[in-house]
Amino acid sequence: IGFPIIELAEKGFELTCSDGNDSMLEVFWQRATEKGLAFPIIQARWSELPTKMTGTFDTVLCLDSSITYVDSWADPKHLDIATAKADILKSLQAFYEILTLGGHVVIGLAKYAFDQESEFVVDYGVKEIENVPVHHVWRIRFDRQTNRKVWNLITEYGDKRDVKEFQSYLLSPEELQEMLLA
Protein backbone atom coordinates (compact mmCIF):
# COMPACT_ATOMS: atom_id res chain seq x y z
CA ILE A 1 0.00 0.00 0.00
CA GLY A 2 1.18 3.49 -0.58
CA PHE A 3 2.41 3.71 -4.15
CA PRO A 4 1.51 6.16 -5.62
CA ILE A 5 -0.95 7.34 -2.94
CA ILE A 6 1.61 9.37 -0.95
CA GLU A 7 2.80 11.05 -4.14
CA LEU A 8 -0.76 11.79 -5.31
CA ALA A 9 -1.70 13.22 -1.90
CA GLU A 10 1.37 15.47 -2.01
CA LYS A 11 0.10 16.81 -5.36
CA GLY A 12 -3.27 17.69 -3.81
CA PHE A 13 -5.48 14.82 -4.97
CA GLU A 14 -8.38 13.92 -2.69
CA LEU A 15 -8.11 10.24 -1.85
CA THR A 16 -9.08 7.34 0.33
CA CYS A 17 -7.02 4.20 0.65
CA SER A 18 -7.72 0.72 1.90
CA ASP A 19 -6.03 -2.55 2.68
CA GLY A 20 -7.34 -5.75 4.21
CA ASN A 21 -4.29 -6.10 6.45
CA ASP A 22 -4.16 -3.90 9.55
CA SER A 23 -0.36 -4.12 9.84
CA MET A 24 0.01 -2.81 6.27
CA LEU A 25 -2.35 0.05 7.13
CA GLU A 26 -0.24 0.89 10.18
CA VAL A 27 2.91 1.14 8.03
CA PHE A 28 1.06 3.25 5.49
CA TRP A 29 -0.42 5.52 8.19
CA GLN A 30 3.10 6.09 9.57
CA ARG A 31 4.40 7.00 6.10
CA ALA A 32 1.52 9.43 5.54
CA THR A 33 1.95 10.99 8.99
CA GLU A 34 5.70 11.47 8.47
CA LYS A 35 4.85 13.45 5.33
CA GLY A 36 2.20 15.50 7.16
CA LEU A 37 -0.64 13.98 5.13
CA ALA A 38 -4.09 13.05 6.37
CA PHE A 39 -6.90 11.30 4.49
CA PRO A 40 -9.25 8.36 5.11
CA ILE A 41 -7.53 5.00 5.56
CA ILE A 42 -9.96 2.09 5.72
CA GLN A 43 -9.37 -1.53 6.66
CA ALA A 44 -11.34 -3.56 4.16
CA ARG A 45 -10.85 -6.40 1.76
CA TRP A 46 -11.51 -5.19 -1.77
CA SER A 47 -14.68 -7.25 -2.01
CA GLU A 48 -15.97 -5.36 1.07
CA LEU A 49 -15.38 -1.87 -0.32
CA PRO A 50 -19.03 -1.17 -1.25
CA THR A 51 -20.12 -1.85 2.34
CA LYS A 52 -17.17 -0.15 4.09
CA MET A 53 -16.90 3.07 2.08
CA THR A 54 -19.44 5.81 1.59
CA GLY A 55 -19.89 7.58 -1.69
CA THR A 56 -18.31 6.85 -5.02
CA PHE A 57 -14.94 7.54 -6.59
CA ASP A 58 -13.78 8.95 -9.91
CA THR A 59 -10.84 6.53 -10.05
CA VAL A 60 -9.95 3.25 -8.38
CA LEU A 61 -6.26 2.33 -8.47
CA CYS A 62 -4.96 -1.19 -7.91
CA LEU A 63 -1.34 -1.23 -9.04
CA ASP A 64 1.79 -3.42 -9.14
CA SER A 65 -0.08 -6.72 -9.44
CA SER A 66 -1.84 -6.12 -6.11
CA ILE A 67 -5.03 -7.68 -7.48
CA THR A 68 -3.22 -11.04 -7.61
CA TYR A 69 -2.63 -10.99 -3.85
CA VAL A 70 -6.30 -11.43 -2.94
CA ASP A 71 -6.32 -14.20 -0.31
CA SER A 72 -2.66 -15.01 -1.00
CA TRP A 73 -1.34 -14.35 2.49
CA ALA A 74 -3.92 -16.14 4.66
CA ASP A 75 -2.53 -19.63 4.05
CA PRO A 76 0.62 -18.90 2.09
CA LYS A 77 1.69 -22.45 1.23
CA HIS A 78 -1.74 -23.69 0.18
CA LEU A 79 -3.05 -21.28 -2.42
CA ASP A 80 -6.36 -22.44 -3.90
CA ILE A 81 -6.34 -21.21 -7.51
CA ALA A 82 -10.13 -21.48 -8.01
CA THR A 83 -10.79 -19.47 -4.85
CA ALA A 84 -8.15 -16.87 -5.79
CA LYS A 85 -9.72 -16.39 -9.23
CA ALA A 86 -13.24 -16.10 -7.77
CA ASP A 87 -12.03 -13.57 -5.18
CA ILE A 88 -10.24 -11.51 -7.83
CA LEU A 89 -13.49 -11.36 -9.79
CA LYS A 90 -15.43 -10.30 -6.64
CA SER A 91 -12.85 -7.58 -6.03
CA LEU A 92 -13.12 -6.28 -9.59
CA GLN A 93 -16.91 -6.18 -9.26
CA ALA A 94 -16.57 -4.22 -5.99
CA PHE A 95 -14.28 -1.69 -7.68
CA TYR A 96 -16.98 -0.98 -10.24
CA GLU A 97 -19.67 -0.70 -7.54
CA ILE A 98 -17.85 2.22 -5.87
CA LEU A 99 -17.05 3.97 -9.14
CA THR A 100 -18.85 7.12 -10.29
CA LEU A 101 -20.57 6.98 -13.65
CA GLY A 102 -17.86 7.59 -16.24
CA GLY A 103 -15.09 6.85 -13.73
CA HIS A 104 -12.01 4.69 -14.29
CA VAL A 105 -10.63 1.52 -12.74
CA VAL A 106 -6.87 1.20 -13.23
CA ILE A 107 -5.45 -2.27 -12.69
CA GLY A 108 -1.71 -2.74 -12.98
CA LEU A 109 0.07 -6.02 -13.57
CA ALA A 110 3.81 -5.95 -13.04
CA LYS A 111 5.59 -6.48 -16.34
CA TYR A 112 8.43 -8.38 -14.68
CA ALA A 113 6.14 -11.35 -14.04
CA PHE A 114 5.87 -11.97 -17.76
CA ASP A 115 9.17 -10.66 -19.13
CA GLN A 116 11.55 -12.29 -16.65
CA GLU A 117 12.89 -15.76 -16.60
CA SER A 118 11.24 -18.06 -14.10
CA GLU A 119 12.99 -16.43 -11.11
CA PHE A 120 14.53 -13.21 -9.92
CA VAL A 121 16.02 -11.87 -6.70
CA VAL A 122 15.68 -8.49 -5.04
CA ASP A 123 18.48 -7.94 -2.54
CA TYR A 124 17.86 -5.06 -0.13
CA GLY A 125 21.36 -5.31 1.30
CA VAL A 126 22.46 -5.28 4.92
CA LYS A 127 21.27 -2.72 7.46
CA GLU A 128 22.23 -2.40 11.11
CA ILE A 129 19.30 -2.69 13.49
CA GLU A 130 20.22 -2.36 17.18
CA ASN A 131 23.85 -3.17 16.29
CA VAL A 132 22.87 -6.41 14.53
CA PRO A 133 23.37 -6.75 10.77
CA VAL A 134 20.05 -7.61 9.07
CA HIS A 135 19.96 -8.77 5.46
CA HIS A 136 16.65 -8.97 3.51
CA VAL A 137 16.25 -10.75 0.18
CA TRP A 138 13.10 -11.49 -1.83
CA ARG A 139 13.42 -14.52 -4.10
CA ILE A 140 10.50 -14.61 -6.51
CA ARG A 141 9.72 -17.57 -8.75
CA PHE A 142 7.10 -17.73 -11.49
CA ASP A 143 5.56 -21.13 -12.04
CA ARG A 144 3.70 -20.63 -15.30
CA GLN A 145 2.54 -24.26 -15.34
CA THR A 146 0.47 -23.83 -12.14
CA ASN A 147 -0.06 -20.03 -12.45
CA ARG A 148 1.64 -19.34 -9.12
CA LYS A 149 4.05 -16.67 -8.05
CA VAL A 150 6.10 -17.98 -5.11
CA TRP A 151 7.78 -15.42 -2.87
CA ASN A 152 10.48 -16.30 -0.39
CA LEU A 153 11.41 -13.60 2.10
CA ILE A 154 14.86 -14.48 3.39
CA THR A 155 16.01 -12.59 6.47
CA GLU A 156 19.42 -13.09 8.01
CA TYR A 157 20.06 -11.38 11.33
CA GLY A 158 23.16 -12.09 13.35
CA ASP A 159 23.72 -15.83 13.11
CA LYS A 160 20.04 -16.62 12.43
CA ARG A 161 18.24 -17.17 9.14
CA ASP A 162 14.48 -17.06 8.59
CA VAL A 163 12.68 -17.97 5.37
CA LYS A 164 8.99 -17.26 4.86
CA GLU A 165 7.13 -18.41 1.78
CA PHE A 166 4.07 -16.80 0.23
CA GLN A 167 2.17 -17.64 -2.92
CA SER A 168 -0.09 -15.60 -5.12
CA TYR A 169 -1.97 -16.24 -8.31
CA LEU A 170 -0.02 -15.43 -11.48
CA LEU A 171 -2.79 -13.61 -13.30
CA SER A 172 -1.97 -12.93 -16.95
CA PRO A 173 -3.00 -9.73 -18.75
CA GLU A 174 -5.19 -11.82 -21.06
CA GLU A 175 -7.00 -13.45 -18.15
CA LEU A 176 -7.49 -10.07 -16.45
CA GLN A 177 -9.00 -8.73 -19.66
CA GLU A 178 -11.40 -11.70 -19.80
CA MET A 179 -12.46 -11.07 -16.19
CA LEU A 180 -13.03 -7.38 -16.86
CA LEU A 181 -15.22 -8.19 -19.85
CA ALA A 182 -17.23 -10.86 -18.01
C-alpha atoms as a PDB file:
ATOM      1  CA  ILE A   1       0.000   0.000   0.000  1.00  0.00           C
ATOM      2  CA  GLY A   2       1.176   3.493  -0.580  1.00  0.00           C
ATOM      3  CA  PHE A   3       2.410   3.715  -4.154  1.00  0.00           C
ATOM      4  CA  PRO A   4       1.512   6.159  -5.620  1.00  0.00           C
ATOM      5  CA  ILE A   5      -0.951   7.337  -2.937  1.00  0.00           C
ATOM      6  CA  ILE A   6       1.609   9.365  -0.955  1.00  0.00           C
ATOM      7  CA  GLU A   7       2.797  11.045  -4.141  1.00  0.00           C
ATOM      8  CA  LEU A   8      -0.765  11.791  -5.309  1.00  0.00           C
ATOM      9  CA  ALA A   9      -1.703  13.219  -1.902  1.00  0.00           C
ATOM     10  CA  GLU A  10       1.368  15.472  -2.011  1.00  0.00           C
ATOM     11  CA  LYS A  11       0.102  16.813  -5.356  1.00  0.00           C
ATOM     12  CA  GLY A  12      -3.266  17.687  -3.807  1.00  0.00           C
ATOM     13  CA  PHE A  13      -5.477  14.816  -4.966  1.00  0.00           C
ATOM     14  CA  GLU A  14      -8.382  13.919  -2.685  1.00  0.00           C
ATOM     15  CA  LEU A  15      -8.108  10.239  -1.848  1.00  0.00           C
ATOM     16  CA  THR A  16      -9.080   7.343   0.326  1.00  0.00           C
ATOM     17  CA  CYS A  17      -7.015   4.200   0.647  1.00  0.00           C
ATOM     18  CA  SER A  18      -7.725   0.718   1.902  1.00  0.00           C
ATOM     19  CA  ASP A  19      -6.033  -2.548   2.684  1.00  0.00           C
ATOM     20  CA  GLY A  20      -7.338  -5.749   4.213  1.00  0.00           C
ATOM     21  CA  ASN A  21      -4.285  -6.098   6.445  1.00  0.00           C
ATOM     22  CA  ASP A  22      -4.157  -3.900   9.547  1.00  0.00           C
ATOM     23  CA  SER A  23      -0.359  -4.118   9.840  1.00  0.00           C
ATOM     24  CA  MET A  24       0.010  -2.813   6.270  1.00  0.00           C
ATOM     25  CA  LEU A  25      -2.345   0.045   7.133  1.00  0.00           C
ATOM     26  CA  GLU A  26      -0.242   0.890  10.178  1.00  0.00           C
ATOM     27  CA  VAL A  27       2.912   1.135   8.027  1.00  0.00           C
ATOM     28  CA  PHE A  28       1.055   3.254   5.489  1.00  0.00           C
ATOM     29  CA  TRP A  29      -0.419   5.523   8.190  1.00  0.00           C
ATOM     30  CA  GLN A  30       3.103   6.090   9.574  1.00  0.00           C
ATOM     31  CA  ARG A  31       4.405   7.002   6.101  1.00  0.00           C
ATOM     32  CA  ALA A  32       1.524   9.426   5.536  1.00  0.00           C
ATOM     33  CA  THR A  33       1.946  10.989   8.994  1.00  0.00           C
ATOM     34  CA  GLU A  34       5.704  11.472   8.474  1.00  0.00           C
ATOM     35  CA  LYS A  35       4.848  13.453   5.326  1.00  0.00           C
ATOM     36  CA  GLY A  36       2.197  15.504   7.158  1.00  0.00           C
ATOM     37  CA  LEU A  37      -0.641  13.980   5.130  1.00  0.00           C
ATOM     38  CA  ALA A  38      -4.091  13.052   6.373  1.00  0.00           C
ATOM     39  CA  PHE A  39      -6.898  11.295   4.489  1.00  0.00           C
ATOM     40  CA  PRO A  40      -9.251   8.360   5.115  1.00  0.00           C
ATOM     41  CA  ILE A  41      -7.528   5.001   5.557  1.00  0.00           C
ATOM     42  CA  ILE A  42      -9.963   2.089   5.722  1.00  0.00           C
ATOM     43  CA  GLN A  43      -9.369  -1.528   6.660  1.00  0.00           C
ATOM     44  CA  ALA A  44     -11.341  -3.560   4.156  1.00  0.00           C
ATOM     45  CA  ARG A  45     -10.849  -6.400   1.758  1.00  0.00           C
ATOM     46  CA  TRP A  46     -11.515  -5.194  -1.768  1.00  0.00           C
ATOM     47  CA  SER A  47     -14.685  -7.255  -2.014  1.00  0.00           C
ATOM     48  CA  GLU A  48     -15.975  -5.364   1.070  1.00  0.00           C
ATOM     49  CA  LEU A  49     -15.383  -1.866  -0.317  1.00  0.00           C
ATOM     50  CA  PRO A  50     -19.029  -1.170  -1.253  1.00  0.00           C
ATOM     51  CA  THR A  51     -20.120  -1.847   2.342  1.00  0.00           C
ATOM     52  CA  LYS A  52     -17.167  -0.150   4.086  1.00  0.00           C
ATOM     53  CA  MET A  53     -16.905   3.074   2.077  1.00  0.00           C
ATOM     54  CA  THR A  54     -19.444   5.808   1.586  1.00  0.00           C
ATOM     55  CA  GLY A  55     -19.887   7.579  -1.691  1.00  0.00           C
ATOM     56  CA  THR A  56     -18.311   6.850  -5.025  1.00  0.00           C
ATOM     57  CA  PHE A  57     -14.942   7.539  -6.590  1.00  0.00           C
ATOM     58  CA  ASP A  58     -13.777   8.951  -9.913  1.00  0.00           C
ATOM     59  CA  THR A  59     -10.843   6.534 -10.048  1.00  0.00           C
ATOM     60  CA  VAL A  60      -9.954   3.249  -8.380  1.00  0.00           C
ATOM     61  CA  LEU A  61      -6.255   2.327  -8.475  1.00  0.00           C
ATOM     62  CA  CYS A  62      -4.960  -1.195  -7.905  1.00  0.00           C
ATOM     63  CA  LEU A  63      -1.337  -1.232  -9.038  1.00  0.00           C
ATOM     64  CA  ASP A  64       1.786  -3.419  -9.138  1.00  0.00           C
ATOM     65  CA  SER A  65      -0.084  -6.716  -9.445  1.00  0.00           C
ATOM     66  CA  SER A  66      -1.838  -6.118  -6.111  1.00  0.00           C
ATOM     67  CA  ILE A  67      -5.031  -7.684  -7.479  1.00  0.00           C
ATOM     68  CA  THR A  68      -3.223 -11.039  -7.611  1.00  0.00           C
ATOM     69  CA  TYR A  69      -2.628 -10.994  -3.850  1.00  0.00           C
ATOM     70  CA  VAL A  70      -6.297 -11.429  -2.942  1.00  0.00           C
ATOM     71  CA  ASP A  71      -6.315 -14.197  -0.310  1.00  0.00           C
ATOM     72  CA  SER A  72      -2.662 -15.012  -0.998  1.00  0.00           C
ATOM     73  CA  TRP A  73      -1.337 -14.353   2.493  1.00  0.00           C
ATOM     74  CA  ALA A  74      -3.917 -16.137   4.660  1.00  0.00           C
ATOM     75  CA  ASP A  75      -2.535 -19.634   4.050  1.00  0.00           C
ATOM     76  CA  PRO A  76       0.619 -18.896   2.087  1.00  0.00           C
ATOM     77  CA  LYS A  77       1.691 -22.446   1.234  1.00  0.00           C
ATOM     78  CA  HIS A  78      -1.744 -23.687   0.176  1.00  0.00           C
ATOM     79  CA  LEU A  79      -3.055 -21.277  -2.423  1.00  0.00           C
ATOM     80  CA  ASP A  80      -6.357 -22.437  -3.900  1.00  0.00           C
ATOM     81  CA  ILE A  81      -6.343 -21.214  -7.508  1.00  0.00           C
ATOM     82  CA  ALA A  82     -10.127 -21.477  -8.012  1.00  0.00           C
ATOM     83  CA  THR A  83     -10.794 -19.467  -4.848  1.00  0.00           C
ATOM     84  CA  ALA A  84      -8.155 -16.874  -5.792  1.00  0.00           C
ATOM     85  CA  LYS A  85      -9.722 -16.388  -9.233  1.00  0.00           C
ATOM     86  CA  ALA A  86     -13.238 -16.099  -7.767  1.00  0.00           C
ATOM     87  CA  ASP A  87     -12.027 -13.569  -5.178  1.00  0.00           C
ATOM     88  CA  ILE A  88     -10.238 -11.512  -7.833  1.00  0.00           C
ATOM     89  CA  LEU A  89     -13.488 -11.359  -9.791  1.00  0.00           C
ATOM     90  CA  LYS A  90     -15.431 -10.296  -6.640  1.00  0.00           C
ATOM     91  CA  SER A  91     -12.847  -7.575  -6.028  1.00  0.00           C
ATOM     92  CA  LEU A  92     -13.123  -6.284  -9.592  1.00  0.00           C
ATOM     93  CA  GLN A  93     -16.910  -6.182  -9.256  1.00  0.00           C
ATOM     94  CA  ALA A  94     -16.568  -4.224  -5.993  1.00  0.00           C
ATOM     95  CA  PHE A  95     -14.275  -1.690  -7.685  1.00  0.00           C
ATOM     96  CA  TYR A  96     -16.976  -0.980 -10.244  1.00  0.00           C
ATOM     97  CA  GLU A  97     -19.669  -0.705  -7.543  1.00  0.00           C
ATOM     98  CA  ILE A  98     -17.849   2.219  -5.868  1.00  0.00           C
ATOM     99  CA  LEU A  99     -17.053   3.965  -9.139  1.00  0.00           C
ATOM    100  CA  THR A 100     -18.847   7.123 -10.285  1.00  0.00           C
ATOM    101  CA  LEU A 101     -20.571   6.978 -13.648  1.00  0.00           C
ATOM    102  CA  GLY A 102     -17.856   7.595 -16.243  1.00  0.00           C
ATOM    103  CA  GLY A 103     -15.087   6.846 -13.728  1.00  0.00           C
ATOM    104  CA  HIS A 104     -12.007   4.694 -14.291  1.00  0.00           C
ATOM    105  CA  VAL A 105     -10.633   1.521 -12.739  1.00  0.00           C
ATOM    106  CA  VAL A 106      -6.868   1.203 -13.232  1.00  0.00           C
ATOM    107  CA  ILE A 107      -5.452  -2.270 -12.687  1.00  0.00           C
ATOM    108  CA  GLY A 108      -1.707  -2.740 -12.982  1.00  0.00           C
ATOM    109  CA  LEU A 109       0.067  -6.017 -13.575  1.00  0.00           C
ATOM    110  CA  ALA A 110       3.815  -5.948 -13.036  1.00  0.00           C
ATOM    111  CA  LYS A 111       5.586  -6.483 -16.339  1.00  0.00           C
ATOM    112  CA  TYR A 112       8.427  -8.376 -14.679  1.00  0.00           C
ATOM    113  CA  ALA A 113       6.136 -11.346 -14.035  1.00  0.00           C
ATOM    114  CA  PHE A 114       5.870 -11.968 -17.756  1.00  0.00           C
ATOM    115  CA  ASP A 115       9.173 -10.665 -19.125  1.00  0.00           C
ATOM    116  CA  GLN A 116      11.549 -12.287 -16.652  1.00  0.00           C
ATOM    117  CA  GLU A 117      12.894 -15.763 -16.605  1.00  0.00           C
ATOM    118  CA  SER A 118      11.237 -18.063 -14.100  1.00  0.00           C
ATOM    119  CA  GLU A 119      12.991 -16.431 -11.115  1.00  0.00           C
ATOM    120  CA  PHE A 120      14.532 -13.210  -9.923  1.00  0.00           C
ATOM    121  CA  VAL A 121      16.024 -11.874  -6.703  1.00  0.00           C
ATOM    122  CA  VAL A 122      15.675  -8.488  -5.038  1.00  0.00           C
ATOM    123  CA  ASP A 123      18.481  -7.939  -2.536  1.00  0.00           C
ATOM    124  CA  TYR A 124      17.857  -5.057  -0.132  1.00  0.00           C
ATOM    125  CA  GLY A 125      21.358  -5.308   1.302  1.00  0.00           C
ATOM    126  CA  VAL A 126      22.465  -5.276   4.917  1.00  0.00           C
ATOM    127  CA  LYS A 127      21.274  -2.721   7.461  1.00  0.00           C
ATOM    128  CA  GLU A 128      22.233  -2.404  11.106  1.00  0.00           C
ATOM    129  CA  ILE A 129      19.298  -2.691  13.491  1.00  0.00           C
ATOM    130  CA  GLU A 130      20.221  -2.359  17.178  1.00  0.00           C
ATOM    131  CA  ASN A 131      23.846  -3.170  16.291  1.00  0.00           C
ATOM    132  CA  VAL A 132      22.871  -6.407  14.527  1.00  0.00           C
ATOM    133  CA  PRO A 133      23.374  -6.751  10.766  1.00  0.00           C
ATOM    134  CA  VAL A 134      20.055  -7.607   9.068  1.00  0.00           C
ATOM    135  CA  HIS A 135      19.959  -8.773   5.457  1.00  0.00           C
ATOM    136  CA  HIS A 136      16.646  -8.970   3.514  1.00  0.00           C
ATOM    137  CA  VAL A 137      16.250 -10.746   0.177  1.00  0.00           C
ATOM    138  CA  TRP A 138      13.103 -11.495  -1.831  1.00  0.00           C
ATOM    139  CA  ARG A 139      13.424 -14.522  -4.104  1.00  0.00           C
ATOM    140  CA  ILE A 140      10.500 -14.614  -6.511  1.00  0.00           C
ATOM    141  CA  ARG A 141       9.719 -17.570  -8.748  1.00  0.00           C
ATOM    142  CA  PHE A 142       7.102 -17.728 -11.490  1.00  0.00           C
ATOM    143  CA  ASP A 143       5.560 -21.128 -12.044  1.00  0.00           C
ATOM    144  CA  ARG A 144       3.698 -20.633 -15.295  1.00  0.00           C
ATOM    145  CA  GLN A 145       2.542 -24.257 -15.338  1.00  0.00           C
ATOM    146  CA  THR A 146       0.472 -23.831 -12.143  1.00  0.00           C
ATOM    147  CA  ASN A 147      -0.058 -20.032 -12.445  1.00  0.00           C
ATOM    148  CA  ARG A 148       1.638 -19.336  -9.124  1.00  0.00           C
ATOM    149  CA  LYS A 149       4.049 -16.666  -8.045  1.00  0.00           C
ATOM    150  CA  VAL A 150       6.102 -17.982  -5.115  1.00  0.00           C
ATOM    151  CA  TRP A 151       7.776 -15.418  -2.872  1.00  0.00           C
ATOM    152  CA  ASN A 152      10.476 -16.303  -0.388  1.00  0.00           C
ATOM    153  CA  LEU A 153      11.410 -13.597   2.097  1.00  0.00           C
ATOM    154  CA  ILE A 154      14.862 -14.476   3.391  1.00  0.00           C
ATOM    155  CA  THR A 155      16.006 -12.589   6.471  1.00  0.00           C
ATOM    156  CA  GLU A 156      19.416 -13.089   8.008  1.00  0.00           C
ATOM    157  CA  TYR A 157      20.057 -11.384  11.335  1.00  0.00           C
ATOM    158  CA  GLY A 158      23.164 -12.088  13.348  1.00  0.00           C
ATOM    159  CA  ASP A 159      23.719 -15.830  13.106  1.00  0.00           C
ATOM    160  CA  LYS A 160      20.038 -16.624  12.428  1.00  0.00           C
ATOM    161  CA  ARG A 161      18.238 -17.173   9.139  1.00  0.00           C
ATOM    162  CA  ASP A 162      14.484 -17.061   8.591  1.00  0.00           C
ATOM    163  CA  VAL A 163      12.682 -17.973   5.369  1.00  0.00           C
ATOM    164  CA  LYS A 164       8.990 -17.257   4.862  1.00  0.00           C
ATOM    165  CA  GLU A 165       7.129 -18.414   1.784  1.00  0.00           C
ATOM    166  CA  PHE A 166       4.073 -16.798   0.232  1.00  0.00           C
ATOM    167  CA  GLN A 167       2.173 -17.643  -2.916  1.00  0.00           C
ATOM    168  CA  SER A 168      -0.093 -15.600  -5.119  1.00  0.00           C
ATOM    169  CA  TYR A 169      -1.971 -16.244  -8.308  1.00  0.00           C
ATOM    170  CA  LEU A 170      -0.018 -15.428 -11.479  1.00  0.00           C
ATOM    171  CA  LEU A 171      -2.795 -13.609 -13.304  1.00  0.00           C
ATOM    172  CA  SER A 172      -1.969 -12.927 -16.947  1.00  0.00           C
ATOM    173  CA  PRO A 173      -2.998  -9.729 -18.746  1.00  0.00           C
ATOM    174  CA  GLU A 174      -5.187 -11.815 -21.061  1.00  0.00           C
ATOM    175  CA  GLU A 175      -7.002 -13.449 -18.149  1.00  0.00           C
ATOM    176  CA  LEU A 176      -7.486 -10.075 -16.447  1.00  0.00           C
ATOM    177  CA  GLN A 177      -9.003  -8.730 -19.662  1.00  0.00           C
ATOM    178  CA  GLU A 178     -11.401 -11.696 -19.800  1.00  0.00           C
ATOM    179  CA  MET A 179     -12.455 -11.071 -16.188  1.00  0.00           C
ATOM    180  CA  LEU A 180     -13.031  -7.380 -16.863  1.00  0.00           C
ATOM    181  CA  LEU A 181     -15.220  -8.185 -19.853  1.00  0.00           C
ATOM    182  CA  ALA A 182     -17.231 -10.859 -18.008  1.00  0.00           C
END
